[in-house]
Amino acid sequence: MQYKVKEIYEEVARPAEIDAAISRLADGGAQALVVIASAILVFERQRILRLAAAQRWPVIGWSREWPADGALMSYGVNTLDSLRRAAFYIDKILKGANPGDLPVEQPSKIELIINLKTAKALGLDVPLHLQQLADEVIE
């Protein structure tokens, strides 16, 4: 089975722009929402999820907070793991290490979280093999 995907982008610089952006996406025929990492959007997560639910859109976020709050899934860096690594670097710097001498690290743990309650509410079937690949499945 082949699917055609047409991307529709909306940029949000301030929380006050979220409602209008969702409305433009709906008017443009959007059928799902993928939210990229942004401090503004993580703090407005609940509102974004409410607006998307009103459109019956599955939402994919970048961190485990999204599916924990009702998004269909997330795929992204394990935030706690990244914070632990940051603490390691802070410790080294506070002990006198020159930040410029420390190696740059890439995130070491990317995780897939799936919310089956949301999938069911949207009438979506999540294939078993995808569930088995997930780091966490919310039932």
Protein backbone atom coordinates (compact mmCIF):
# COMPACT_ATOMS: atom_id res chain seq x y z
CA MET A 1 0.00 0.00 0.00
CA GLN A 2 1.31 3.43 -0.94
CA TYR A 3 0.45 6.66 0.77
CA LYS A 4 0.80 10.16 -0.58
CA VAL A 5 1.89 12.70 1.97
CA LYS A 6 1.68 16.41 1.35
CA GLU A 7 3.50 18.51 3.91
CA ILE A 8 1.89 21.69 5.18
CA TYR A 9 4.07 23.87 7.37
CA GLU A 10 3.09 26.47 9.92
CA GLU A 11 5.59 28.43 11.94
CA VAL A 12 4.73 29.60 15.44
CA ALA A 13 6.90 32.18 17.18
CA ARG A 14 4.58 33.00 20.10
CA PRO A 15 1.89 31.09 21.98
CA ALA A 16 -0.73 33.55 20.74
CA GLU A 17 -0.13 32.26 17.18
CA ILE A 18 -0.98 28.61 17.89
CA ASP A 19 -4.76 28.72 17.43
CA ALA A 20 -4.49 30.52 14.08
CA ALA A 21 -1.78 28.12 12.89
CA ILE A 22 -3.93 25.09 13.72
CA SER A 23 -6.86 26.72 11.96
CA ARG A 24 -4.77 27.35 8.82
CA LEU A 25 -3.58 23.73 8.87
CA ALA A 26 -7.18 22.52 9.10
CA ASP A 27 -8.23 24.84 6.26
CA GLY A 28 -5.31 23.49 4.22
CA GLY A 29 -6.55 19.92 4.58
CA ALA A 30 -4.13 18.64 7.22
CA GLN A 31 -4.99 15.20 8.58
CA ALA A 32 -2.26 14.83 11.20
CA LEU A 33 0.19 16.98 13.13
CA VAL A 34 3.92 16.49 13.62
CA VAL A 35 5.31 18.88 16.21
CA ILE A 36 9.02 19.68 16.11
CA ALA A 37 11.11 20.45 19.17
CA SER A 38 10.46 23.93 20.50
CA ALA A 39 10.36 25.42 24.01
CA ILE A 40 7.20 27.33 23.13
CA LEU A 41 5.41 24.24 21.87
CA VAL A 42 6.34 22.00 24.79
CA PHE A 43 4.86 24.52 27.23
CA GLU A 44 1.72 24.77 25.07
CA ARG A 45 1.48 21.00 24.63
CA GLN A 46 -1.90 20.61 26.35
CA ARG A 47 -3.53 23.29 24.21
CA ILE A 48 -2.03 21.92 21.00
CA LEU A 49 -3.29 18.44 21.86
CA ARG A 50 -6.79 19.79 22.60
CA LEU A 51 -6.88 21.66 19.29
CA ALA A 52 -5.61 18.60 17.39
CA ALA A 53 -8.15 16.36 19.14
CA ALA A 54 -10.94 18.69 18.00
CA GLN A 55 -9.74 18.04 14.42
CA ARG A 56 -9.34 14.29 15.16
CA TRP A 57 -5.68 14.49 14.15
CA PRO A 58 -3.06 12.04 15.33
CA VAL A 59 -0.14 13.98 16.81
CA ILE A 60 3.51 12.98 16.79
CA GLY A 61 5.84 14.81 19.17
CA TRP A 62 9.53 14.64 19.94
CA SER A 63 9.55 13.56 23.58
CA ARG A 64 7.76 11.14 25.88
CA GLU A 65 5.67 13.97 27.37
CA TRP A 66 3.63 14.16 24.17
CA PRO A 67 2.15 10.63 24.15
CA ALA A 68 1.91 10.69 27.95
CA ASP A 69 -0.45 13.64 27.51
CA GLY A 70 -2.44 12.12 24.64
CA ALA A 71 -0.43 12.35 21.41
CA LEU A 72 -0.38 9.23 19.27
CA MET A 73 3.38 8.82 19.55
CA SER A 74 6.76 10.41 19.93
CA TYR A 75 10.13 9.69 18.44
CA GLY A 76 13.08 11.57 19.79
CA VAL A 77 15.87 11.96 22.26
CA ASN A 78 15.46 10.61 25.77
CA THR A 79 15.38 13.92 27.67
CA LEU A 80 16.41 12.46 31.03
CA ASP A 81 19.40 10.74 29.46
CA SER A 82 20.46 14.02 27.85
CA LEU A 83 20.10 15.88 31.15
CA ARG A 84 22.26 13.27 32.88
CA ARG A 85 24.95 13.78 30.26
CA ALA A 86 24.69 17.57 30.71
CA ALA A 87 25.20 17.12 34.47
CA PHE A 88 28.35 15.10 33.71
CA TYR A 89 29.71 18.01 31.65
CA ILE A 90 28.76 20.59 34.28
CA ASP A 91 30.59 18.54 36.91
CA LYS A 92 33.73 18.45 34.76
CA ILE A 93 33.58 22.21 34.11
CA LEU A 94 33.03 23.02 37.80
CA LYS A 95 36.08 20.89 38.58
CA GLY A 96 38.18 23.04 36.23
CA ALA A 97 37.87 21.45 32.79
CA ASN A 98 37.97 23.85 29.85
CA PRO A 99 34.60 23.53 28.02
CA GLY A 100 36.40 23.83 24.68
CA ASP A 101 38.44 20.71 25.50
CA LEU A 102 35.40 18.52 26.17
CA PRO A 103 34.15 16.36 23.30
CA VAL A 104 30.84 17.11 21.62
CA GLU A 105 28.38 14.26 22.07
CA GLN A 106 25.40 13.20 20.03
CA PRO A 107 22.32 11.98 21.88
CA SER A 108 22.81 8.33 22.74
CA LYS A 109 19.22 7.19 23.23
CA ILE A 110 16.40 7.81 20.78
CA GLU A 111 13.07 6.38 21.85
CA LEU A 112 9.73 5.55 20.31
CA ILE A 113 6.68 5.87 22.55
CA ILE A 114 3.21 4.85 21.32
CA ASN A 115 -0.12 5.67 22.98
CA LEU A 116 -2.58 2.90 22.12
CA LYS A 117 -5.42 4.64 23.99
CA THR A 118 -5.12 7.56 21.60
CA ALA A 119 -4.85 5.23 18.59
CA LYS A 120 -8.07 3.51 19.65
CA ALA A 121 -9.86 6.83 20.21
CA LEU A 122 -8.87 7.88 16.68
CA GLY A 123 -9.85 4.53 15.18
CA LEU A 124 -6.27 3.72 14.18
CA ASP A 125 -4.60 0.32 14.27
CA VAL A 126 -0.95 0.37 15.26
CA PRO A 127 0.75 -2.66 13.69
CA LEU A 128 2.04 -5.18 16.21
CA HIS A 129 5.57 -5.05 14.77
CA LEU A 130 5.66 -1.27 15.39
CA GLN A 131 4.44 -1.80 18.96
CA GLN A 132 7.21 -4.35 19.47
CA LEU A 133 9.81 -1.84 18.28
CA ALA A 134 8.58 0.81 20.72
CA ASP A 135 10.52 1.59 23.89
CA GLU A 136 7.19 2.13 25.66
CA VAL A 137 3.56 1.44 24.81
CA ILE A 138 0.87 3.31 26.73
CA GLU A 139 -2.27 1.23 27.01
